[in-house]
Amino acid sequence: HMENFPRAVAVLNAVADGIGWTKPAKPGVFRG
């Protein structure tokens, strides 16, 4: 839903990559 907002996508991608969104978190740790 953000295709028209590339700069918004850029900050979203930055924090997703920084937190390791696509990688499993440690047991008992959850992300948002």
PDB file of all heavy atoms in Angstrom:
ATOM      1  N   HIS A   1       0.811  -1.221   0.000  1.00  0.00           N
ATOM      2  CA  HIS A   1       0.000   0.000   0.000  1.00  0.00           C
ATOM      3  C   HIS A   1       0.845   1.273   0.000  1.00  0.00           C
ATOM      4  O   HIS A   1       0.312   2.374   0.185  1.00  0.00           O
ATOM      5  CB  HIS A   1      -0.942  -0.005   1.206  1.00  0.00           C
ATOM      6  CG  HIS A   1      -1.976  -1.088   1.155  1.00  0.00           C
ATOM      7  ND1 HIS A   1      -3.156  -0.956   0.459  1.00  0.00           N
ATOM      8  CD2 HIS A   1      -1.983  -2.341   1.690  1.00  0.00           C
ATOM      9  CE1 HIS A   1      -3.868  -2.067   0.580  1.00  0.00           C
ATOM     10  NE2 HIS A   1      -3.184  -2.926   1.317  1.00  0.00           N
ATOM     11  N   MET A   2       2.166   1.144  -0.227  1.00  0.00           N
ATOM     12  CA  MET A   2       3.068   2.292  -0.174  1.00  0.00           C
ATOM     13  C   MET A   2       3.796   2.533  -1.492  1.00  0.00           C
ATOM     14  O   MET A   2       4.801   3.245  -1.530  1.00  0.00           O
ATOM     15  CB  MET A   2       4.114   2.085   0.946  1.00  0.00           C
ATOM     16  CG  MET A   2       3.529   2.054   2.339  1.00  0.00           C
ATOM     17  SD  MET A   2       4.736   1.507   3.584  1.00  0.00           S
ATOM     18  CE  MET A   2       5.878   2.881   3.573  1.00  0.00           C
ATOM     19  N   GLU A   3       3.285   1.991  -2.579  1.00  0.00           N
ATOM     20  CA  GLU A   3       3.994   2.074  -3.856  1.00  0.00           C
ATOM     21  C   GLU A   3       4.215   3.508  -4.314  1.00  0.00           C
ATOM     22  O   GLU A   3       5.174   3.792  -5.034  1.00  0.00           O
ATOM     23  CB  GLU A   3       3.237   1.291  -4.932  1.00  0.00           C
ATOM     24  CG  GLU A   3       3.208  -0.213  -4.679  1.00  0.00           C
ATOM     25  CD  GLU A   3       2.417  -0.947  -5.756  1.00  0.00           C
ATOM     26  OE1 GLU A   3       1.781  -0.258  -6.597  1.00  0.00           O
ATOM     27  OE2 GLU A   3       2.427  -2.192  -5.744  1.00  0.00           O
ATOM     28  N   ASN A   4       3.354   4.415  -3.910  1.00  0.00           N
ATOM     29  CA  ASN A   4       3.468   5.816  -4.332  1.00  0.00           C
ATOM     30  C   ASN A   4       4.342   6.659  -3.405  1.00  0.00           C
ATOM     31  O   ASN A   4       4.455   7.876  -3.603  1.00  0.00           O
ATOM     32  CB  ASN A   4       2.076   6.447  -4.423  1.00  0.00           C
ATOM     33  CG  ASN A   4       1.206   5.776  -5.464  1.00  0.00           C
ATOM     34  OD1 ASN A   4       1.697   5.321  -6.498  1.00  0.00           O
ATOM     35  ND2 ASN A   4      -0.089   5.696  -5.191  1.00  0.00           N
ATOM     36  N   PHE A   5       4.967   6.013  -2.417  1.00  0.00           N
ATOM     37  CA  PHE A   5       5.716   6.765  -1.415  1.00  0.00           C
ATOM     38  C   PHE A   5       7.098   6.130  -1.203  1.00  0.00           C
ATOM     39  O   PHE A   5       7.351   5.492  -0.168  1.00  0.00           O
ATOM     40  CB  PHE A   5       4.936   6.818  -0.103  1.00  0.00           C
ATOM     41  CG  PHE A   5       3.526   7.317  -0.269  1.00  0.00           C
ATOM     42  CD1 PHE A   5       2.465   6.428  -0.368  1.00  0.00           C
ATOM     43  CD2 PHE A   5       3.272   8.682  -0.357  1.00  0.00           C
ATOM     44  CE1 PHE A   5       1.168   6.889  -0.535  1.00  0.00           C
ATOM     45  CE2 PHE A   5       1.983   9.144  -0.521  1.00  0.00           C
ATOM     46  CZ  PHE A   5       0.923   8.253  -0.617  1.00  0.00           C
ATOM     47  N   PRO A   6       7.993   6.289  -2.172  1.00  0.00           N
ATOM     48  CA  PRO A   6       9.301   5.607  -2.097  1.00  0.00           C
ATOM     49  C   PRO A   6      10.139   6.003  -0.889  1.00  0.00           C
ATOM     50  O   PRO A   6      10.874   5.161  -0.350  1.00  0.00           O
ATOM     51  CB  PRO A   6       9.982   6.012  -3.411  1.00  0.00           C
ATOM     52  CG  PRO A   6       9.263   7.253  -3.862  1.00  0.00           C
ATOM     53  CD  PRO A   6       7.856   7.086  -3.405  1.00  0.00           C
ATOM     54  N   ARG A   7      10.062   7.251  -0.443  1.00  0.00           N
ATOM     55  CA  ARG A   7      10.862   7.641   0.722  1.00  0.00           C
ATOM     56  C   ARG A   7      10.319   6.995   1.996  1.00  0.00           C
ATOM     57  O   ARG A   7      11.091   6.650   2.907  1.00  0.00           O
ATOM     58  CB  ARG A   7      10.905   9.156   0.859  1.00  0.00           C
ATOM     59  CG  ARG A   7      11.753   9.833  -0.218  1.00  0.00           C
ATOM     60  CD  ARG A   7      11.694  11.353  -0.146  1.00  0.00           C
ATOM     61  NE  ARG A   7      12.268  11.887   1.078  1.00  0.00           N
ATOM     62  CZ  ARG A   7      12.255  13.185   1.395  1.00  0.00           C
ATOM     63  NH1 ARG A   7      11.679  14.069   0.579  1.00  0.00           N
ATOM     64  NH2 ARG A   7      12.805  13.597   2.524  1.00  0.00           N
ATOM     65  N   ALA A   8       9.012   6.806   2.055  1.00  0.00           N
ATOM     66  CA  ALA A   8       8.428   6.095   3.190  1.00  0.00           C
ATOM     67  C   ALA A   8       8.847   4.630   3.164  1.00  0.00           C
ATOM     68  O   ALA A   8       9.156   4.041   4.211  1.00  0.00           O
ATOM     69  CB  ALA A   8       6.912   6.229   3.169  1.00  0.00           C
ATOM     70  N   VAL A   9       8.868   4.040   1.994  1.00  0.00           N
ATOM     71  CA  VAL A   9       9.318   2.652   1.861  1.00  0.00           C
ATOM     72  C   VAL A   9      10.776   2.525   2.295  1.00  0.00           C
ATOM     73  O   VAL A   9      11.170   1.549   2.944  1.00  0.00           O
ATOM     74  CB  VAL A   9       9.143   2.156   0.415  1.00  0.00           C
ATOM     75  CG1 VAL A   9       9.776   0.776   0.239  1.00  0.00           C
ATOM     76  CG2 VAL A   9       7.665   2.105   0.042  1.00  0.00           C
ATOM     77  N   ALA A  10      11.577   3.534   1.965  1.00  0.00           N
ATOM     78  CA  ALA A  10      13.004   3.481   2.297  1.00  0.00           C
ATOM     79  C   ALA A  10      13.237   3.423   3.804  1.00  0.00           C
ATOM     80  O   ALA A  10      14.073   2.654   4.287  1.00  0.00           O
ATOM     81  CB  ALA A  10      13.728   4.679   1.693  1.00  0.00           C
ATOM     82  N   VAL A  11      12.506   4.234   4.584  1.00  0.00           N
ATOM     83  CA  VAL A  11      12.704   4.191   6.043  1.00  0.00           C
ATOM     84  C   VAL A  11      12.133   2.903   6.620  1.00  0.00           C
ATOM     85  O   VAL A  11      12.688   2.339   7.577  1.00  0.00           O
ATOM     86  CB  VAL A  11      12.110   5.436   6.748  1.00  0.00           C
ATOM     87  CG1 VAL A  11      12.872   6.694   6.364  1.00  0.00           C
ATOM     88  CG2 VAL A  11      10.622   5.595   6.483  1.00  0.00           C
ATOM     89  N   LEU A  12      11.027   2.424   6.055  1.00  0.00           N
ATOM     90  CA  LEU A  12      10.462   1.149   6.501  1.00  0.00           C
ATOM     91  C   LEU A  12      11.451   0.019   6.254  1.00  0.00           C
ATOM     92  O   LEU A  12      11.713  -0.807   7.143  1.00  0.00           O
ATOM     93  CB  LEU A  12       9.149   0.873   5.774  1.00  0.00           C
ATOM     94  CG  LEU A  12       8.487  -0.479   6.083  1.00  0.00           C
ATOM     95  CD1 LEU A  12       8.011  -0.525   7.535  1.00  0.00           C
ATOM     96  CD2 LEU A  12       7.334  -0.749   5.122  1.00  0.00           C
ATOM     97  N   ASN A  13      12.018  -0.032   5.058  1.00  0.00           N
ATOM     98  CA  ASN A  13      12.999  -1.071   4.737  1.00  0.00           C
ATOM     99  C   ASN A  13      14.225  -0.971   5.637  1.00  0.00           C
ATOM    100  O   ASN A  13      14.799  -1.989   6.049  1.00  0.00           O
ATOM    101  CB  ASN A  13      13.430  -0.956   3.274  1.00  0.00           C
ATOM    102  CG  ASN A  13      12.339  -1.383   2.306  1.00  0.00           C
ATOM    103  OD1 ASN A  13      11.374  -2.040   2.701  1.00  0.00           O
ATOM    104  ND2 ASN A  13      12.483  -1.010   1.048  1.00  0.00           N
ATOM    105  N   ALA A  14      14.619   0.257   5.942  1.00  0.00           N
ATOM    106  CA  ALA A  14      15.818   0.449   6.763  1.00  0.00           C
ATOM    107  C   ALA A  14      15.651  -0.153   8.153  1.00  0.00           C
ATOM    108  O   ALA A  14      16.554  -0.826   8.669  1.00  0.00           O
ATOM    109  CB  ALA A  14      16.153   1.932   6.862  1.00  0.00           C
ATOM    110  N   VAL A  15      14.490   0.079   8.782  1.00  0.00           N
ATOM    111  CA  VAL A  15      14.307  -0.467  10.132  1.00  0.00           C
ATOM    112  C   VAL A  15      14.032  -1.964  10.081  1.00  0.00           C
ATOM    113  O   VAL A  15      14.430  -2.702  10.999  1.00  0.00           O
ATOM    114  CB  VAL A  15      13.193   0.276  10.905  1.00  0.00           C
ATOM    115  CG1 VAL A  15      13.543   1.744  11.061  1.00  0.00           C
ATOM    116  CG2 VAL A  15      11.830   0.112  10.269  1.00  0.00           C
ATOM    117  N   ALA A  16      13.345  -2.426   9.033  1.00  0.00           N
ATOM    118  CA  ALA A  16      13.107  -3.866   8.900  1.00  0.00           C
ATOM    119  C   ALA A  16      14.429  -4.607   8.750  1.00  0.00           C
ATOM    120  O   ALA A  16      14.669  -5.644   9.398  1.00  0.00           O
ATOM    121  CB  ALA A  16      12.197  -4.141   7.709  1.00  0.00           C
ATOM    122  N   ASP A  17      15.313  -4.074   7.918  1.00  0.00           N
ATOM    123  CA  ASP A  17      16.635  -4.688   7.755  1.00  0.00           C
ATOM    124  C   ASP A  17      17.448  -4.571   9.041  1.00  0.00           C
ATOM    125  O   ASP A  17      18.136  -5.512   9.451  1.00  0.00           O
ATOM    126  CB  ASP A  17      17.391  -4.021   6.609  1.00  0.00           C
ATOM    127  CG  ASP A  17      16.761  -4.295   5.248  1.00  0.00           C
ATOM    128  OD1 ASP A  17      15.954  -5.247   5.155  1.00  0.00           O
ATOM    129  OD2 ASP A  17      17.072  -3.562   4.287  1.00  0.00           O
ATOM    130  N   GLY A  18      17.365  -3.401   9.681  1.00  0.00           N
ATOM    131  CA  GLY A  18      18.149  -3.179  10.896  1.00  0.00           C
ATOM    132  C   GLY A  18      17.753  -4.080  12.044  1.00  0.00           C
ATOM    133  O   GLY A  18      18.597  -4.485  12.854  1.00  0.00           O
ATOM    134  N   ILE A  19      16.465  -4.400  12.146  1.00  0.00           N
ATOM    135  CA  ILE A  19      15.987  -5.257  13.229  1.00  0.00           C
ATOM    136  C   ILE A  19      16.095  -6.731  12.871  1.00  0.00           C
ATOM    137  O   ILE A  19      15.949  -7.609  13.726  1.00  0.00           O
ATOM    138  CB  ILE A  19      14.535  -4.892  13.609  1.00  0.00           C
ATOM    139  CG1 ILE A  19      14.249  -5.244  15.084  1.00  0.00           C
ATOM    140  CG2 ILE A  19      13.532  -5.584  12.682  1.00  0.00           C
ATOM    141  CD1 ILE A  19      14.886  -4.327  16.074  1.00  0.00           C
ATOM    142  N   GLY A  20      16.362  -7.010  11.577  1.00  0.00           N
ATOM    143  CA  GLY A  20      16.440  -8.403  11.124  1.00  0.00           C
ATOM    144  C   GLY A  20      15.084  -9.038  10.956  1.00  0.00           C
ATOM    145  O   GLY A  20      14.860 -10.195  11.346  1.00  0.00           O
ATOM    146  N   TRP A  21      14.166  -8.292  10.358  1.00  0.00           N
ATOM    147  CA  TRP A  21      12.760  -8.703  10.283  1.00  0.00           C
ATOM    148  C   TRP A  21      12.562 -10.087   9.664  1.00  0.00           C
ATOM    149  O   TRP A  21      11.715 -10.861  10.102  1.00  0.00           O
ATOM    150  CB  TRP A  21      11.971  -7.667   9.497  1.00  0.00           C
ATOM    151  CG  TRP A  21      10.486  -7.897   9.503  1.00  0.00           C
ATOM    152  CD1 TRP A  21       9.740  -8.506   8.544  1.00  0.00           C
ATOM    153  CD2 TRP A  21       9.570  -7.530  10.537  1.00  0.00           C
ATOM    154  NE1 TRP A  21       8.418  -8.543   8.911  1.00  0.00           N
ATOM    155  CE2 TRP A  21       8.291  -7.940  10.134  1.00  0.00           C
ATOM    156  CE3 TRP A  21       9.715  -6.886  11.767  1.00  0.00           C
ATOM    157  CZ2 TRP A  21       7.158  -7.735  10.913  1.00  0.00           C
ATOM    158  CZ3 TRP A  21       8.584  -6.674  12.543  1.00  0.00           C
ATOM    159  CH2 TRP A  21       7.326  -7.100  12.118  1.00  0.00           C
ATOM    160  N   THR A  22      13.331 -10.403   8.643  1.00  0.00           N
ATOM    161  CA  THR A  22      13.134 -11.674   7.930  1.00  0.00           C
ATOM    162  C   THR A  22      13.873 -12.839   8.589  1.00  0.00           C
ATOM    163  O   THR A  22      13.767 -13.978   8.123  1.00  0.00           O
ATOM    164  CB  THR A  22      13.597 -11.546   6.470  1.00  0.00           C
ATOM    165  OG1 THR A  22      14.981 -11.171   6.449  1.00  0.00           O
ATOM    166  CG2 THR A  22      12.779 -10.497   5.742  1.00  0.00           C
ATOM    167  N   LYS A  23      14.607 -12.549   9.661  1.00  0.00           N
ATOM    168  CA  LYS A  23      15.343 -13.602  10.355  1.00  0.00           C
ATOM    169  C   LYS A  23      14.658 -13.912  11.684  1.00  0.00           C
ATOM    170  O   LYS A  23      14.090 -13.021  12.319  1.00  0.00           O
ATOM    171  CB  LYS A  23      16.777 -13.161  10.606  1.00  0.00           C
ATOM    172  CG  LYS A  23      17.553 -12.824   9.328  1.00  0.00           C
ATOM    173  CD  LYS A  23      18.925 -12.268   9.659  1.00  0.00           C
ATOM    174  CE  LYS A  23      19.665 -11.859   8.394  1.00  0.00           C
ATOM    175  NZ  LYS A  23      21.000 -11.256   8.702  1.00  0.00           N
ATOM    176  N   PRO A  24      14.725 -15.145  12.127  1.00  0.00           N
ATOM    177  CA  PRO A  24      14.078 -15.497  13.398  1.00  0.00           C
ATOM    178  C   PRO A  24      14.690 -14.718  14.563  1.00  0.00           C
ATOM    179  O   PRO A  24      15.906 -14.551  14.653  1.00  0.00           O
ATOM    180  CB  PRO A  24      14.366 -16.996  13.537  1.00  0.00           C
ATOM    181  CG  PRO A  24      14.662 -17.468  12.156  1.00  0.00           C
ATOM    182  CD  PRO A  24      15.332 -16.316  11.463  1.00  0.00           C
ATOM    183  N   ALA A  25      13.830 -14.247  15.450  1.00  0.00           N
ATOM    184  CA  ALA A  25      14.312 -13.579  16.656  1.00  0.00           C
ATOM    185  C   ALA A  25      14.732 -14.619  17.687  1.00  0.00           C
ATOM    186  O   ALA A  25      14.425 -15.816  17.545  1.00  0.00           O
ATOM    187  CB  ALA A  25      13.223 -12.686  17.229  1.00  0.00           C
ATOM    188  N   LYS A  26      15.431 -14.162  18.701  1.00  0.00           N
ATOM    189  CA  LYS A  26      15.808 -15.065  19.780  1.00  0.00           C
ATOM    190  C   LYS A  26      14.556 -15.584  20.482  1.00  0.00           C
ATOM    191  O   LYS A  26      13.518 -14.914  20.497  1.00  0.00           O
ATOM    192  CB  LYS A  26      16.703 -14.334  20.779  1.00  0.00           C
ATOM    193  CG  LYS A  26      18.059 -13.924  20.235  1.00  0.00           C
ATOM    194  CD  LYS A  26      18.865 -13.186  21.297  1.00  0.00           C
ATOM    195  CE  LYS A  26      20.221 -12.760  20.764  1.00  0.00           C
ATOM    196  NZ  LYS A  26      21.031 -12.028  21.788  1.00  0.00           N
ATOM    197  N   PRO A  27      14.620 -16.791  21.063  1.00  0.00           N
ATOM    198  CA  PRO A  27      13.446 -17.319  21.778  1.00  0.00           C
ATOM    199  C   PRO A  27      12.929 -16.332  22.816  1.00  0.00           C
ATOM    200  O   PRO A  27      13.700 -15.768  23.599  1.00  0.00           O
ATOM    201  CB  PRO A  27      13.999 -18.597  22.436  1.00  0.00           C
ATOM    202  CG  PRO A  27      15.144 -19.010  21.573  1.00  0.00           C
ATOM    203  CD  PRO A  27      15.763 -17.722  21.090  1.00  0.00           C
ATOM    204  N   GLY A  28      11.617 -16.099  22.792  1.00  0.00           N
ATOM    205  CA  GLY A  28      11.003 -15.191  23.750  1.00  0.00           C
ATOM    206  C   GLY A  28      11.058 -13.735  23.376  1.00  0.00           C
ATOM    207  O   GLY A  28      10.552 -12.884  24.106  1.00  0.00           O
ATOM    208  N   VAL A  29      11.676 -13.428  22.235  1.00  0.00           N
ATOM    209  CA  VAL A  29      11.779 -12.047  21.770  1.00  0.00           C
ATOM    210  C   VAL A  29      10.849 -11.851  20.581  1.00  0.00           C
ATOM    211  O   VAL A  29      10.795 -12.686  19.673  1.00  0.00           O
ATOM    212  CB  VAL A  29      13.233 -11.702  21.380  1.00  0.00           C
ATOM    213  CG1 VAL A  29      13.312 -10.309  20.767  1.00  0.00           C
ATOM    214  CG2 VAL A  29      14.142 -11.787  22.602  1.00  0.00           C
ATOM    215  N   PHE A  30      10.125 -10.728  20.584  1.00  0.00           N
ATOM    216  CA  PHE A  30       9.133 -10.461  19.544  1.00  0.00           C
ATOM    217  C   PHE A  30       9.350  -9.068  18.965  1.00  0.00           C
ATOM    218  O   PHE A  30       9.873  -8.178  19.637  1.00  0.00           O
ATOM    219  CB  PHE A  30       7.725 -10.603  20.118  1.00  0.00           C
ATOM    220  CG  PHE A  30       7.454 -11.967  20.669  1.00  0.00           C
ATOM    221  CD1 PHE A  30       7.781 -12.281  21.983  1.00  0.00           C
ATOM    222  CD2 PHE A  30       6.898 -12.954  19.868  1.00  0.00           C
ATOM    223  CE1 PHE A  30       7.558 -13.546  22.502  1.00  0.00           C
ATOM    224  CE2 PHE A  30       6.658 -14.231  20.370  1.00  0.00           C
ATOM    225  CZ  PHE A  30       6.995 -14.528  21.685  1.00  0.00           C
ATOM    226  N   ARG A  31       8.930  -8.892  17.716  1.00  0.00           N
ATOM    227  CA  ARG A  31       9.210  -7.654  17.002  1.00  0.00           C
ATOM    228  C   ARG A  31       7.937  -6.942  16.565  1.00  0.00           C
ATOM    229  O   ARG A  31       6.900  -7.564  16.332  1.00  0.00           O
ATOM    230  CB  ARG A  31      10.063  -7.952  15.755  1.00  0.00           C
ATOM    231  CG  ARG A  31      11.453  -8.475  16.086  1.00  0.00           C
ATOM    232  CD  ARG A  31      12.155  -8.987  14.855  1.00  0.00           C
ATOM    233  NE  ARG A  31      13.513  -9.420  15.153  1.00  0.00           N
ATOM    234  CZ  ARG A  31      14.159 -10.372  14.496  1.00  0.00           C
ATOM    235  NH1 ARG A  31      13.561 -10.984  13.478  1.00  0.00           N
ATOM    236  NH2 ARG A  31      15.386 -10.698  14.828  1.00  0.00           N
ATOM    237  N   GLY A  32       8.069  -5.643  16.439  1.00  0.00           N
ATOM    238  CA  GLY A  32       6.993  -4.819  15.903  1.00  0.00           C
ATOM    239  C   GLY A  32       7.587  -3.617  15.223  1.00  0.00           C
ATOM    240  O   GLY A  32       8.733  -3.233  15.508  1.00  0.00           O
TER     241      GLY A  32
END
